[in-house]
């Protein structure tokens, strides 16, 4: 039982428990036993913080079913090891070395020291952002749904946005609130911070503390902070501009909106495609260029150590920096005057190649099971599932049972990570002191 297998089996255990509970009559609004595939798909989507759904969860599930989905999203967003570690801390159990290594791999942390303190900081950060989000969007829902239902909608959507879970109790997601500046900004903020990574947030907090206390000396941001924040800002701007240009005259999406609302809708879509699957327009009515832009942004995803999926922003920057290095005829890969180690480059290549392979395989299999669907629709759905985004062109509910099971497996692989899943299958590799001679071959 390696650390990788512990994490992978932990997620499977949570999914299995969620599936059983969602099948119970108390979870459905009509009080009958739930369909197995619906329960399995919903549980996997919640634990993997994806948001794809084969039913309208706002009407299909009872309050207890919706509450269970919220809990599964919270566990999935925190991660199995983080949630388990927090429970152990509450019970007063001390960390052993195996717990520290497992937490380090789950959070993609650089060291194993301070694991308990890091978990406490993660839980505190989560509560602060989610509670703040609830109070900020209360004025949006209470006038339309009353206090109690408005409060429940605020709690559910705040947790769903922060964890990048993407589930919405509203049938059309946020299309009805397309022009609500408050809702768009609050949900976008929760999604962005939820997808930027805990280390980035904590580092920013330390910087603010140093500035407030006027400590002498310059605060040095880590390379991870610089790469994650700069790449996220760049992708947000590129996505916003690209969606405005691609959908500007499409009357089914942006065409009938004012210029200000077009910018807001494009910004929200740029935020949502990379980490969370909320939408303020009908995704199924977007043109093909916009769908392909969305696929690219979804595949990149958010930052490591966050709620988001995808290959991650840092992987993209490492690969682009490698390309830049080759074009300049250099041999050292540099970012912000720091040399990137070869082990990190190999990991980035492995993540990219493994992710492409998983997406290609799932796309081919669904194309074989559902012949009536177009290639772009299938690819969009698969990338959305793998990157745990949750956006859909509207085909999720009409997929065949085999295709739904393929998406379930795709969501699971995307949440635990390709490399971690392969490591769980193959086991820990044995160290070797053998060095082989170098050779050359033609590339490109």
Protein backbone atom coordinates (compact mmCIF):
# COMPACT_ATOMS: atom_id res chain seq x y z
CA UNK A 1 0.00 0.00 0.00
CA UNK A 2 2.03 2.91 -1.33
CA UNK A 3 1.21 6.56 -0.70
CA UNK A 4 -0.16 6.94 -4.25
CA UNK A 5 -2.45 3.94 -3.75
CA UNK A 6 -3.63 5.32 -0.41
CA UNK A 7 -4.68 8.60 -2.04
CA UNK A 8 -6.33 6.94 -5.07
CA UNK A 9 -8.21 4.40 -2.95
CA UNK A 10 -9.22 7.15 -0.53
CA UNK A 11 -10.96 9.06 -3.33
CA UNK A 12 -12.62 5.85 -4.51
CA UNK A 13 -13.88 5.19 -0.98
CA UNK A 14 -15.42 8.66 -0.71
CA UNK A 15 -17.03 8.25 -4.16
CA UNK A 16 -18.44 4.84 -3.16
CA UNK A 17 -19.93 6.16 0.10
CA UNK A 18 -21.39 9.15 -1.75
CA UNK A 19 -22.91 6.86 -4.39
CA UNK A 20 -24.61 4.68 -1.77
CA UNK A 21 -26.02 7.68 0.10
CA UNK A 22 -27.23 9.36 -3.11
CA UNK A 23 -29.09 6.16 -4.02
CA UNK A 24 -31.14 6.31 -0.80
CA UNK A 25 -34.77 7.50 -1.03
CA UNK A 26 -34.09 10.45 1.29
CA UNK A 27 -31.68 11.89 -1.30
CA UNK A 28 -34.24 12.20 -4.11
CA UNK A 29 -37.06 14.72 -4.26
CA UNK A 30 -39.69 12.06 -5.07
CA UNK A 31 -38.60 9.78 -2.21
CA UNK A 32 -37.74 6.77 -4.40
CA UNK A 33 -34.50 4.82 -4.83
CA UNK A 34 -32.09 6.57 -7.15
CA UNK A 35 -30.65 5.10 -10.34
CA UNK A 36 -27.17 3.64 -9.81
CA UNK A 37 -25.53 5.40 -12.76
CA UNK A 38 -27.07 8.77 -11.79
CA UNK A 39 -25.86 8.36 -8.21
CA UNK A 40 -22.37 7.20 -9.28
CA UNK A 41 -21.98 9.97 -11.87
CA UNK A 42 -23.16 12.68 -9.44
CA UNK A 43 -20.99 11.40 -6.58
CA UNK A 44 -17.90 11.21 -8.80
CA UNK A 45 -18.58 14.65 -10.25
CA UNK A 46 -18.96 16.12 -6.74
CA UNK A 47 -15.89 14.45 -5.20
CA UNK A 48 -13.81 15.30 -8.28
CA UNK A 49 -15.21 18.88 -8.11
CA UNK A 50 -16.25 18.71 -11.76
CA UNK A 51 -19.90 19.77 -11.86
CA UNK A 52 -21.09 17.71 -14.83
CA UNK A 53 -24.52 16.27 -14.14
CA UNK A 54 -26.92 13.95 -15.92
CA UNK A 55 -29.92 15.42 -14.03
CA UNK A 56 -31.06 18.82 -12.77
CA UNK A 57 -29.82 18.56 -9.18
CA UNK A 58 -31.96 21.50 -8.08
CA UNK A 59 -35.16 19.54 -8.70
CA UNK A 60 -34.01 15.91 -8.85
CA UNK A 61 -32.43 15.78 -5.40
CA UNK A 62 -34.03 16.64 -2.06
CA UNK A 63 -32.48 19.08 0.41
CA UNK A 64 -30.58 16.18 2.02
CA UNK A 65 -29.31 15.04 -1.36
CA UNK A 66 -28.16 18.58 -2.16
CA UNK A 67 -26.50 18.83 1.26
CA UNK A 68 -24.69 15.56 0.61
CA UNK A 69 -23.45 16.88 -2.74
CA UNK A 70 -22.18 20.00 -0.96
CA UNK A 71 -20.28 17.87 1.59
CA UNK A 72 -18.79 15.73 -1.18
CA UNK A 73 -17.67 18.87 -3.01
CA UNK A 74 -16.07 20.19 0.16
CA UNK A 75 -14.18 16.93 0.75
CA UNK A 76 -13.17 16.70 -2.90
CA UNK A 77 -12.05 20.33 -3.00
CA UNK A 78 -9.91 19.99 0.10
CA UNK A 79 -8.60 16.65 -1.11
CA UNK A 80 -8.89 13.28 0.56
CA UNK A 81 -5.61 13.59 2.47
CA UNK A 82 -6.32 17.14 3.67
CA UNK A 83 -9.80 16.20 4.92
CA UNK A 84 -8.44 13.05 6.58
CA UNK A 85 -5.57 14.93 8.17
CA UNK A 86 -7.94 17.57 9.55
CA UNK A 87 -10.07 14.81 11.06
CA UNK A 88 -6.99 13.26 12.68
CA UNK A 89 -6.02 16.64 14.09
CA UNK A 90 -9.48 17.02 15.60
CA UNK A 91 -9.10 13.60 17.20
CA UNK A 92 -5.73 14.62 18.64
CA UNK A 93 -3.62 12.10 16.71
CA UNK A 94 -0.03 13.03 15.90
CA UNK A 95 1.47 12.94 12.41
CA UNK A 96 3.82 10.13 11.50
CA UNK A 97 6.27 10.22 8.60
CA UNK A 98 3.91 8.34 6.27
CA UNK A 99 1.13 10.88 6.91
CA UNK A 100 3.50 13.75 6.15
CA UNK A 101 4.70 12.19 2.88
CA UNK A 102 1.13 11.42 1.79
CA UNK A 103 0.03 14.99 2.53
CA UNK A 104 3.07 16.35 0.69
CA UNK A 105 2.20 14.33 -2.44
CA UNK A 106 -1.50 15.18 -2.24
CA UNK A 107 -0.84 18.93 -1.99
CA UNK A 108 2.16 18.86 -4.35
CA UNK A 109 4.07 20.58 -1.55
CA UNK A 110 7.84 21.00 -1.73
CA UNK A 111 8.57 19.70 1.79
CA UNK A 112 7.08 17.55 4.53
CA UNK A 113 7.63 19.94 7.41
CA UNK A 114 4.77 21.94 8.90
CA UNK A 115 2.04 19.69 7.48
CA UNK A 116 -0.33 20.11 10.42
CA UNK A 117 0.02 23.89 10.38
CA UNK A 118 -0.53 23.92 6.61
CA UNK A 119 -3.76 21.92 6.97
CA UNK A 120 -5.02 24.33 9.64
CA UNK A 121 -4.21 27.26 7.35
CA UNK A 122 -6.04 25.58 4.44
CA UNK A 123 -9.16 24.97 6.53
CA UNK A 124 -9.11 28.54 7.89
CA UNK A 125 -8.63 30.01 4.40
CA UNK A 126 -11.48 27.88 3.05
CA UNK A 127 -13.89 28.98 5.78
CA UNK A 128 -12.97 32.66 5.42
CA UNK A 129 -13.55 32.73 1.67
CA UNK A 130 -16.71 30.61 1.72
CA UNK A 131 -18.39 32.55 4.55
CA UNK A 132 -17.45 35.86 2.92
CA UNK A 133 -18.93 34.63 -0.36
CA UNK A 134 -22.19 33.67 1.37
CA UNK A 135 -22.70 37.14 2.83
CA UNK A 136 -21.76 38.90 -0.42
CA UNK A 137 -24.23 37.02 -2.64
CA UNK A 138 -27.11 36.97 -0.14
CA UNK A 139 -28.47 40.29 -1.54
CA UNK A 140 -28.67 38.62 -4.98
CA UNK A 141 -30.75 35.56 -4.06
CA UNK A 142 -32.85 36.70 -1.06
CA UNK A 143 -35.03 39.20 -3.03
CA UNK A 144 -35.91 36.46 -5.57
CA UNK A 145 -36.23 33.38 -3.32
CA UNK A 146 -36.89 34.62 0.20
CA UNK A 147 -34.46 34.53 3.13
CA UNK A 148 -34.21 30.79 3.87
CA UNK A 149 -34.06 29.56 0.27
CA UNK A 150 -31.83 32.51 -0.64
CA UNK A 151 -29.49 31.64 2.24
CA UNK A 152 -29.28 28.00 1.11
CA UNK A 153 -28.58 29.06 -2.48
CA UNK A 154 -25.87 31.45 -1.24
CA UNK A 155 -24.20 28.74 0.88
CA UNK A 156 -24.35 26.11 -1.85
CA UNK A 157 -23.03 28.35 -4.63
CA UNK A 158 -20.33 29.89 -2.45
CA UNK A 159 -18.95 26.44 -1.58
CA UNK A 160 -19.39 25.28 -5.18
CA UNK A 161 -17.50 28.32 -6.53
CA UNK A 162 -14.64 28.18 -4.00
CA UNK A 163 -14.11 24.43 -4.45
CA UNK A 164 -14.55 24.83 -8.24
CA UNK A 165 -17.26 22.19 -7.89
CA UNK A 166 -19.40 23.93 -10.53
CA UNK A 167 -22.72 22.46 -9.37
CA UNK A 168 -25.64 24.88 -9.43
CA UNK A 169 -29.11 24.50 -7.97
CA UNK A 170 -30.44 26.82 -10.67
CA UNK A 171 -31.60 25.11 -13.83
CA UNK A 172 -29.81 27.55 -16.18
CA UNK A 173 -26.80 28.14 -13.91
CA UNK A 174 -26.33 31.95 -13.78
CA UNK A 175 -27.84 32.88 -17.16
CA UNK A 176 -30.72 34.63 -15.34
CA UNK A 177 -28.14 36.75 -13.45
CA UNK A 178 -26.07 37.55 -16.53
CA UNK A 179 -26.19 41.31 -15.86
CA UNK A 180 -25.71 41.09 -12.07
CA UNK A 181 -22.34 42.77 -11.46
CA UNK A 182 -22.25 41.65 -7.81
CA UNK A 183 -22.86 37.97 -8.54
CA UNK A 184 -20.42 37.91 -11.47
CA UNK A 185 -17.63 39.53 -9.45
CA UNK A 186 -18.14 37.48 -6.27
CA UNK A 187 -18.39 34.12 -8.04
CA UNK A 188 -15.44 35.01 -10.29
CA UNK A 189 -13.39 36.00 -7.25
CA UNK A 190 -14.15 32.76 -5.44
CA UNK A 191 -13.28 30.72 -8.53
CA UNK A 192 -10.01 32.58 -9.13
CA UNK A 193 -8.78 32.31 -5.55
CA UNK A 194 -9.95 28.70 -5.30
CA UNK A 195 -7.97 27.88 -8.44
CA UNK A 196 -4.79 29.85 -7.66
CA UNK A 197 -3.51 27.55 -4.92
CA UNK A 198 -3.25 27.76 -1.14
CA UNK A 199 0.47 28.47 -1.16
CA UNK A 200 -0.07 31.54 -3.33
CA UNK A 201 -2.81 32.87 -1.04
CA UNK A 202 -0.77 32.26 2.12
CA UNK A 203 2.30 33.87 0.55
CA UNK A 204 0.25 36.93 -0.41
CA UNK A 205 -1.06 37.09 3.16
CA UNK A 206 2.50 37.07 4.52
CA UNK A 207 3.45 39.85 2.10
CA UNK A 208 0.50 41.98 3.24
CA UNK A 209 1.51 41.34 6.87
CA UNK A 210 5.08 42.48 6.18
CA UNK A 211 3.87 45.62 4.43
CA UNK A 212 1.44 46.41 7.24
CA UNK A 213 4.04 45.93 9.96
CA UNK A 214 6.67 47.78 7.87
CA UNK A 215 9.28 45.09 8.38
CA UNK A 216 12.74 45.98 7.08
CA UNK A 217 14.01 44.20 4.01
CA UNK A 218 12.37 43.23 0.76
CA UNK A 219 9.84 40.39 0.73
CA UNK A 220 10.92 37.80 -1.84
CA UNK A 221 8.10 36.00 -3.59
CA UNK A 222 8.70 32.37 -4.49
CA UNK A 223 9.04 31.23 -8.10
CA UNK A 224 5.77 29.32 -7.73
CA UNK A 225 3.96 32.55 -6.74
CA UNK A 226 5.39 34.53 -9.66
CA UNK A 227 4.63 31.85 -12.25
CA UNK A 228 1.14 30.99 -10.96
CA UNK A 229 -0.09 34.58 -10.66
CA UNK A 230 1.43 35.91 -13.89
CA UNK A 231 0.21 32.95 -15.95
CA UNK A 232 -3.29 33.13 -14.44
CA UNK A 233 -3.57 36.86 -15.21
CA UNK A 234 -2.26 36.35 -18.74
CA UNK A 235 -4.74 33.54 -19.46
CA UNK A 236 -7.64 35.53 -18.00
CA UNK A 237 -6.87 38.49 -20.29
CA UNK A 238 -6.28 36.32 -23.36
CA UNK A 239 -9.49 34.37 -22.72
CA UNK A 240 -11.58 37.51 -22.23
CA UNK A 241 -10.33 39.16 -25.42
CA UNK A 242 -10.66 35.94 -27.43
CA UNK A 243 -14.25 35.30 -26.34
CA UNK A 244 -15.29 38.91 -27.02
CA UNK A 245 -13.89 38.73 -30.55
CA UNK A 246 -15.26 35.24 -31.28
CA UNK A 247 -18.78 35.81 -29.91
CA UNK A 248 -19.23 39.53 -30.51
CA UNK A 249 -21.84 39.14 -33.27
CA UNK A 250 -23.37 35.86 -32.06
CA UNK A 251 -26.90 36.91 -31.02
CA UNK A 252 -27.42 33.59 -29.23
CA UNK A 253 -24.69 34.51 -26.74
CA UNK A 254 -23.10 38.02 -26.68
CA UNK A 255 -24.66 39.70 -29.70
CA UNK A 256 -27.68 41.25 -27.96
CA UNK A 257 -25.72 42.48 -24.90
CA UNK A 258 -24.31 45.95 -24.32
CA UNK A 259 -20.55 46.32 -24.68
CA UNK A 260 -20.08 46.41 -20.89
CA UNK A 261 -22.13 43.25 -20.42
CA UNK A 262 -20.23 41.59 -23.27
CA UNK A 263 -16.95 42.25 -21.46
CA UNK A 264 -18.39 40.97 -18.17
CA UNK A 265 -19.80 37.82 -19.81
CA UNK A 266 -16.50 37.18 -21.62
CA UNK A 267 -14.51 37.68 -18.41
CA UNK A 268 -16.79 35.31 -16.48
CA UNK A 269 -16.48 32.72 -19.25
CA UNK A 270 -12.69 33.11 -19.27
CA UNK A 271 -12.62 32.54 -15.50
CA UNK A 272 -15.07 29.65 -15.61
CA UNK A 273 -13.49 27.69 -18.47
CA UNK A 274 -10.17 27.32 -16.69
CA UNK A 275 -11.38 26.12 -13.31
CA UNK A 276 -15.13 26.04 -12.76
CA UNK A 277 -18.14 25.25 -14.91
CA UNK A 278 -20.61 28.01 -14.10
CA UNK A 279 -22.00 29.85 -17.12
CA UNK A 280 -23.91 33.04 -17.85
CA UNK A 281 -24.53 32.13 -21.51
CA UNK A 282 -25.74 28.99 -23.28
CA UNK A 283 -22.55 27.04 -23.98
CA UNK A 284 -24.30 24.90 -26.59
CA UNK A 285 -24.96 28.00 -28.74
CA UNK A 286 -21.34 29.16 -28.89
CA UNK A 287 -19.63 28.97 -32.28
CA UNK A 288 -16.93 26.42 -33.00
CA UNK A 289 -14.04 28.86 -32.60
CA UNK A 290 -15.20 29.76 -29.08
CA UNK A 291 -15.66 26.09 -28.16
CA UNK A 292 -12.10 25.34 -29.25
CA UNK A 293 -10.77 28.30 -27.24
CA UNK A 294 -12.69 26.99 -24.24
CA UNK A 295 -11.22 23.51 -24.74
CA UNK A 296 -7.68 24.94 -24.70
CA UNK A 297 -8.33 26.96 -21.52
CA UNK A 298 -9.99 24.00 -19.80
CA UNK A 299 -7.08 21.72 -20.65
CA UNK A 300 -4.60 24.17 -19.07
CA UNK A 301 -6.70 24.56 -15.92
CA UNK A 302 -5.63 26.30 -12.71
CA UNK A 303 -2.57 26.30 -10.49
CA UNK A 304 -1.05 23.36 -8.57
CA UNK A 305 -2.11 22.85 -4.97
CA UNK A 306 -5.54 24.32 -5.71
CA UNK A 307 -9.09 23.05 -6.34
CA UNK A 308 -8.63 23.30 -10.11
CA UNK A 309 -7.82 20.56 -12.59
CA UNK A 310 -6.08 20.54 -15.96
CA UNK A 311 -2.36 20.22 -16.62
CA UNK A 312 -1.87 23.37 -14.46
CA UNK A 313 -0.46 26.81 -15.27
CA UNK A 314 3.04 25.95 -14.06
CA UNK A 315 3.23 22.96 -16.42
CA UNK A 316 2.32 25.26 -19.31
CA UNK A 317 5.02 27.75 -18.33
CA UNK A 318 7.69 25.07 -17.99
CA UNK A 319 6.87 23.68 -21.45
CA UNK A 320 6.77 27.13 -23.09
CA UNK A 321 10.04 28.05 -21.38
CA UNK A 322 11.61 24.86 -22.78
CA UNK A 323 10.44 25.87 -26.25
CA UNK A 324 11.86 29.36 -25.80
CA UNK A 325 15.17 27.89 -24.64
CA UNK A 326 15.42 25.70 -27.75
CA UNK A 327 14.58 28.60 -30.08
CA UNK A 328 17.27 30.75 -28.45
CA UNK A 329 19.83 27.98 -28.79
CA UNK A 330 20.42 27.73 -25.04
CA UNK A 331 20.66 24.69 -22.79
CA UNK A 332 19.39 26.01 -19.46
CA UNK A 333 15.64 26.53 -18.92
CA UNK A 334 15.22 29.78 -16.98
CA UNK A 335 12.23 31.52 -15.40
CA UNK A 336 12.61 34.76 -13.46
CA UNK A 337 16.40 34.25 -13.38
CA UNK A 338 16.04 30.81 -11.83
CA UNK A 339 17.13 27.56 -13.50
CA UNK A 340 14.46 24.87 -13.73
CA UNK A 341 15.76 21.41 -12.69
CA UNK A 342 15.59 18.58 -15.22
CA UNK A 343 13.36 16.54 -12.88
CA UNK A 344 10.71 19.27 -13.00
CA UNK A 345 10.91 19.45 -16.79
CA UNK A 346 10.45 15.69 -17.05
CA UNK A 347 7.46 15.86 -14.72
CA UNK A 348 5.87 18.62 -16.82
CA UNK A 349 6.38 16.57 -19.99
CA UNK A 350 4.92 13.51 -18.27
CA UNK A 351 1.84 15.43 -17.11
CA UNK A 352 1.24 16.89 -20.59
CA UNK A 353 1.74 13.62 -22.47
CA UNK A 354 -0.27 11.59 -19.96
CA UNK A 355 -3.12 14.10 -20.02
CA UNK A 356 -3.22 14.18 -23.81
CA UNK A 357 -3.27 10.39 -23.87
CA UNK A 358 -6.15 10.20 -21.36
CA UNK A 359 -8.21 12.77 -23.29
CA UNK A 360 -7.57 11.07 -26.64
CA UNK A 361 -8.50 7.63 -25.31
CA UNK A 362 -11.72 8.83 -23.65
CA UNK A 363 -12.70 10.80 -26.78
CA UNK A 364 -12.17 7.78 -29.05
CA UNK A 365 -14.15 5.46 -26.77
CA UNK A 366 -17.14 7.82 -26.48
CA UNK A 367 -17.05 8.42 -30.26
CA UNK A 368 -17.40 4.65 -30.66
CA UNK A 369 -20.30 4.34 -28.19
CA UNK A 370 -22.27 7.45 -29.23
CA UNK A 371 -22.03 7.70 -33.00
CA UNK A 372 -24.66 10.45 -33.32
CA UNK A 373 -22.61 13.07 -31.46
CA UNK A 374 -20.16 15.40 -33.22
CA UNK A 375 -16.44 15.19 -32.56
CA UNK A 376 -16.25 18.71 -31.08
CA UNK A 377 -19.10 18.00 -28.66
CA UNK A 378 -17.40 14.82 -27.44
CA UNK A 379 -13.97 16.46 -27.15
CA UNK A 380 -15.46 19.39 -25.22
CA UNK A 381 -17.23 17.04 -22.81
CA UNK A 382 -14.14 14.87 -22.27
CA UNK A 383 -11.77 17.80 -21.65
CA UNK A 384 -14.35 19.35 -19.30
CA UNK A 385 -14.49 16.08 -17.36
CA UNK A 386 -10.74 15.49 -17.31
CA UNK A 387 -9.93 19.07 -16.28
CA UNK A 388 -12.76 18.91 -13.68
CA UNK A 389 -14.39 22.02 -15.15
CA UNK A 390 -18.03 21.02 -15.56
CA UNK A 391 -19.05 23.01 -18.63
CA UNK A 392 -21.14 21.17 -21.21
CA UNK A 393 -22.69 21.81 -24.59
CA UNK A 394 -25.81 20.02 -23.29
CA UNK A 395 -25.06 16.40 -24.18
CA UNK A 396 -24.29 15.02 -20.69
CA UNK A 397 -27.82 13.81 -19.98
CA UNK A 398 -28.26 12.12 -23.38
CA UNK A 399 -25.00 10.15 -23.29
CA UNK A 400 -25.28 6.37 -23.29
CA UNK A 401 -24.55 4.41 -20.11
CA UNK A 402 -21.07 3.29 -21.33
CA UNK A 403 -20.19 6.90 -22.24
CA UNK A 404 -21.24 8.10 -18.78
CA UNK A 405 -19.04 5.46 -17.17
CA UNK A 406 -16.13 6.57 -19.36
CA UNK A 407 -16.67 10.15 -18.16
CA UNK A 408 -16.79 8.90 -14.56
CA UNK A 409 -13.36 7.32 -15.00
CA UNK A 410 -12.09 10.43 -16.82
CA UNK A 411 -13.19 12.72 -13.98
CA UNK A 412 -11.49 10.44 -11.46
CA UNK A 413 -8.20 10.39 -13.40
CA UNK A 414 -8.32 14.17 -13.78
CA UNK A 415 -8.84 14.71 -10.04
CA UNK A 416 -6.18 12.37 -8.64
CA UNK A 417 -3.72 13.23 -11.42
CA UNK A 418 -2.35 11.15 -14.28
CA UNK A 419 1.10 10.61 -12.77
CA UNK A 420 -0.27 9.74 -9.33
CA UNK A 421 -2.71 7.25 -10.86
CA UNK A 422 0.02 5.57 -12.92
CA UNK A 423 2.24 5.47 -9.84
CA UNK A 424 -0.58 3.76 -7.92
CA UNK A 425 -0.85 1.12 -10.64
CA UNK A 426 2.87 0.46 -11.06
CA UNK A 427 4.02 0.96 -7.46
CA UNK A 428 7.11 2.80 -6.25
CA UNK A 429 10.09 2.49 -8.58
CA UNK A 430 13.30 0.97 -7.27
CA UNK A 431 16.35 3.29 -7.21
CA UNK A 432 19.11 2.43 -9.63
CA UNK A 433 22.77 3.42 -9.67
CA UNK A 434 23.30 2.31 -13.28
CA UNK A 435 24.15 5.05 -15.77
CA UNK A 436 23.80 4.42 -19.50
CA UNK A 437 25.81 6.09 -22.29
CA UNK A 438 24.23 9.01 -24.14
CA UNK A 439 23.30 8.76 -27.82
CA UNK A 440 21.69 11.00 -30.40
CA UNK A 441 18.65 10.80 -32.67
CA UNK A 442 16.71 13.05 -35.02
CA UNK A 443 13.88 15.05 -33.38
CA UNK A 444 11.42 17.45 -35.03
